[in-house]
Protein backbone atom coordinates (compact mmCIF):
# COMPACT_ATOMS: atom_id res chain seq x y z
CA UNK A 1 0.06 0.34 0.43
CA UNK A 2 2.43 2.88 -1.37
CA UNK A 3 5.29 1.58 1.45
CA UNK A 4 8.65 2.88 0.50
CA UNK A 5 11.00 -0.24 0.82
CA UNK A 6 13.67 -1.85 -0.47
CA UNK A 7 13.37 -5.76 -2.40
CA UNK A 8 12.11 -7.26 0.50
CA UNK A 9 8.91 -6.06 2.42
CA UNK A 10 10.73 -6.74 6.25
CA UNK A 11 7.70 -5.42 8.94
CA UNK A 12 8.57 -5.64 12.55
CA UNK A 13 5.54 -5.75 14.67
CA UNK A 14 5.37 -4.27 17.83
CA UNK A 15 8.56 -2.28 17.57
CA UNK A 16 8.02 -0.04 20.94
CA UNK A 17 11.13 1.76 21.04
CA UNK A 18 13.14 -1.41 19.32
CA UNK A 19 13.13 0.87 15.92
CA UNK A 20 15.01 -1.31 13.28
CA UNK A 21 16.25 0.31 10.31
CA UNK A 22 15.48 -1.26 6.77
CA UNK A 23 12.04 -2.44 8.12
CA UNK A 24 8.91 -1.48 8.38
CA UNK A 25 8.10 -0.88 12.25
CA UNK A 26 4.74 -0.88 12.91
CA UNK A 27 3.17 -0.17 16.57
CA UNK A 28 -0.14 1.36 17.93
CA UNK A 29 2.22 3.72 19.87
CA UNK A 30 6.04 5.50 20.05
CA UNK A 31 7.75 6.10 16.96
CA UNK A 32 6.84 3.80 14.26
CA UNK A 33 6.81 3.48 10.37
CA UNK A 34 3.20 2.52 10.08
CA UNK A 35 0.27 2.35 12.91
CA UNK A 36 -1.17 -1.35 12.69
CA UNK A 37 -3.03 -2.42 15.73
CA UNK A 38 -3.14 -6.54 15.50
CA UNK A 39 -6.74 -6.94 16.88
CA UNK A 40 -7.98 -4.21 14.38
CA UNK A 41 -8.78 -5.20 10.75
CA UNK A 42 -6.65 -2.45 8.65
CA UNK A 43 -3.52 -3.17 8.59
CA UNK A 44 -0.71 -0.78 6.48
CA UNK A 45 0.16 -3.40 3.29
CA UNK A 46 -1.74 -6.24 1.26
CA UNK A 47 -2.48 -9.76 1.78
CA UNK A 48 0.15 -12.04 0.74
CA UNK A 49 2.64 -9.17 0.41
CA UNK A 50 5.15 -9.45 3.25
CA UNK A 51 8.63 -11.14 3.00
CA UNK A 52 9.45 -11.31 6.52
CA UNK A 53 7.78 -10.74 9.84
CA UNK A 54 9.46 -10.08 13.08
CA UNK A 55 7.58 -9.82 16.37
CA UNK A 56 9.71 -9.99 19.37
CA UNK A 57 8.37 -9.61 23.10
CA UNK A 58 5.08 -9.19 21.82
CA UNK A 59 2.63 -12.16 21.70
CA UNK A 60 2.92 -13.04 25.41
CA UNK A 61 0.47 -10.24 25.65
CA UNK A 62 -2.25 -11.83 24.24
CA UNK A 63 -4.40 -14.36 25.24
CA UNK A 64 -3.73 -17.39 23.87
CA UNK A 65 -7.28 -17.01 21.53
CA UNK A 66 -6.07 -13.66 20.64
CA UNK A 67 -2.56 -14.35 19.61
CA UNK A 68 -3.89 -16.70 17.57
CA UNK A 69 -5.83 -14.71 15.75
CA UNK A 70 -3.30 -12.87 15.29
CA UNK A 71 -0.95 -14.88 13.79
CA UNK A 72 -3.69 -15.94 11.15
CA UNK A 73 -3.75 -12.27 10.41
CA UNK A 74 -0.22 -12.72 9.89
CA UNK A 75 -0.09 -15.45 7.78
CA UNK A 76 -2.32 -13.91 5.67
CA UNK A 77 -0.39 -10.94 4.94
CA UNK A 78 2.94 -13.15 4.24
CA UNK A 79 3.41 -14.27 1.10
CA UNK A 80 4.43 -17.85 -0.12
CA UNK A 81 7.85 -18.59 1.23
CA UNK A 82 7.81 -15.54 3.59
CA UNK A 83 9.08 -15.96 7.07
CA UNK A 84 7.48 -15.00 10.52
CA UNK A 85 10.22 -14.71 13.62
CA UNK A 86 8.85 -14.25 17.22
CA UNK A 87 10.36 -14.17 20.36
CA UNK A 88 8.91 -14.83 23.25
CA UNK A 89 10.07 -15.57 27.06
CA UNK A 90 10.54 -19.04 27.92
CA UNK A 91 8.15 -20.90 30.59
CA UNK A 92 10.72 -23.25 30.66
CA UNK A 93 13.46 -21.52 31.35
CA UNK A 94 11.09 -19.67 34.17
CA UNK A 95 10.16 -22.71 35.79
CA UNK A 96 13.49 -24.42 35.48
CA UNK A 97 15.50 -21.26 37.09
CA UNK A 98 12.54 -21.10 39.95
CA UNK A 99 13.33 -24.79 40.62
CA UNK A 100 16.86 -25.15 40.08
CA UNK A 101 19.18 -22.13 40.10
CA UNK A 102 20.27 -21.68 43.79
CA UNK A 103 20.90 -18.20 42.25
CA UNK A 104 18.02 -17.16 41.00
CA UNK A 105 17.12 -14.15 42.50
CA UNK A 106 20.11 -12.78 42.50
CA UNK A 107 20.77 -13.23 39.05
CA UNK A 108 17.26 -12.05 38.03
CA UNK A 109 16.68 -9.61 40.09
CA UNK A 110 19.00 -6.83 37.91
CA UNK A 111 15.56 -6.94 35.62
CA UNK A 112 13.66 -4.99 37.71
CA UNK A 113 16.30 -2.71 38.93
CA UNK A 114 13.16 -0.61 40.68
CA UNK A 115 11.83 -3.32 42.57
CA UNK A 116 14.28 -5.52 44.98
CA UNK A 117 12.25 -8.65 45.20
CA UNK A 118 12.66 -10.36 48.22
CA UNK A 119 11.18 -13.84 47.33
CA UNK A 120 11.27 -16.26 43.97
CA UNK A 121 7.72 -16.59 43.88
CA UNK A 122 8.00 -12.74 43.38
CA UNK A 123 9.99 -12.78 40.48
CA UNK A 124 8.13 -15.71 38.70
CA UNK A 125 5.05 -13.94 39.14
CA UNK A 126 6.35 -10.09 38.05
CA UNK A 127 7.62 -12.12 34.75
CA UNK A 128 3.88 -13.35 34.13
CA UNK A 129 1.96 -9.94 35.17
CA UNK A 130 4.09 -7.43 35.75
CA UNK A 131 4.92 -6.54 32.11
CA UNK A 132 1.19 -7.04 31.31
CA UNK A 133 1.61 -10.42 29.90
CA UNK A 134 -1.65 -12.90 29.23
CA UNK A 135 -0.16 -15.90 28.09
CA UNK A 136 3.56 -17.58 28.13
CA UNK A 137 4.83 -20.15 25.75
CA UNK A 138 6.99 -23.14 25.78
CA UNK A 139 7.76 -24.52 22.93
CA UNK A 140 4.87 -26.95 23.03
CA UNK A 141 2.12 -24.04 23.16
CA UNK A 142 4.00 -22.10 20.39
CA UNK A 143 3.67 -25.10 18.14
CA UNK A 144 -0.10 -25.44 18.69
CA UNK A 145 -0.46 -21.48 18.48
CA UNK A 146 1.28 -22.19 15.07
CA UNK A 147 -0.65 -24.99 14.14
CA UNK A 148 -3.95 -23.07 15.08
CA UNK A 149 -2.88 -20.38 12.76
CA UNK A 150 -2.41 -22.77 9.83
CA UNK A 151 1.29 -22.74 9.82
CA UNK A 152 3.31 -26.01 7.92
CA UNK A 153 5.28 -26.59 11.65
CA UNK A 154 7.11 -29.02 9.40
CA UNK A 155 8.88 -25.70 8.62
CA UNK A 156 9.18 -24.31 12.02
CA UNK A 157 12.60 -24.16 13.72
CA UNK A 158 12.97 -23.54 17.46
CA UNK A 159 16.14 -21.41 18.95
CA UNK A 160 18.28 -20.08 21.60
CA UNK A 161 18.00 -16.60 22.46
CA UNK A 162 19.98 -14.77 19.50
CA UNK A 163 20.77 -17.47 17.29
CA UNK A 164 18.88 -17.05 13.73
CA UNK A 165 17.93 -19.33 10.90
CA UNK A 166 17.09 -16.93 8.17
CA UNK A 167 19.96 -14.61 7.59
CA UNK A 168 16.99 -11.53 7.22
CA UNK A 169 16.62 -11.54 9.99
CA UNK A 170 20.79 -10.86 11.81
CA UNK A 171 21.61 -8.44 13.51
CA UNK A 172 17.29 -7.81 14.90
CA UNK A 173 17.01 -9.00 18.07
CA UNK A 174 17.65 -6.84 21.28
CA UNK A 175 18.77 -9.08 24.62
CA UNK A 176 16.18 -8.23 26.55
CA UNK A 177 17.67 -10.91 29.77
CA UNK A 178 21.09 -10.61 30.77
CA UNK A 179 23.36 -13.35 29.64
CA UNK A 180 23.71 -14.46 33.68
CA UNK A 181 19.48 -14.46 33.76
CA UNK A 182 17.75 -17.79 34.29
CA UNK A 183 15.17 -16.42 32.23
CA UNK A 184 15.46 -17.34 28.13
CA UNK A 185 13.72 -16.81 25.07
CA UNK A 186 12.21 -18.53 22.74
CA UNK A 187 12.54 -17.73 19.34
CA UNK A 188 10.95 -19.77 16.46
CA UNK A 189 11.06 -19.10 12.51
CA UNK A 190 8.66 -20.74 10.65
CA UNK A 191 7.99 -20.48 6.44
CA UNK A 192 4.84 -20.07 4.77
CA UNK A 193 4.12 -22.86 2.55
């Protein structure tokens, strides 16, 4: 729809303060190139037009049902062969850290510099609810959401933290959790067939 772009239409969904050069940055507030309310009908591009979507720390702010609706919408805007990368906090690493990391509170308290949390349960609750999260993912639930959105999960690839599969995503991720944190990300890339 008249967006200036070079060769590929690369869309950064829910960019927040993480503005990416060379991408069409979308959000509902802050600095963005195009307004896009993920729960609304209008999108700033045509169906089947997008080569790549990048969504980092966005999907967990929606219920599972709304997240699936968003993934269905994104699938409709992706070209055949287009790729989606979703990055969310890892529920598995949060639970594993809570249960098994003796320094869990110390290593993760730096994520919340204004809070000085005293108990591991506070940290878990802060991660679940303190950032407006409505749903936490593990790989199984992410796979279910992608399958529900009609993505072919045979074309999905999970990565740890900053690893990438498709080079279109080189250099675009930001590190939410410090390398010393028990809390990690789940990153998944899926190709539209």
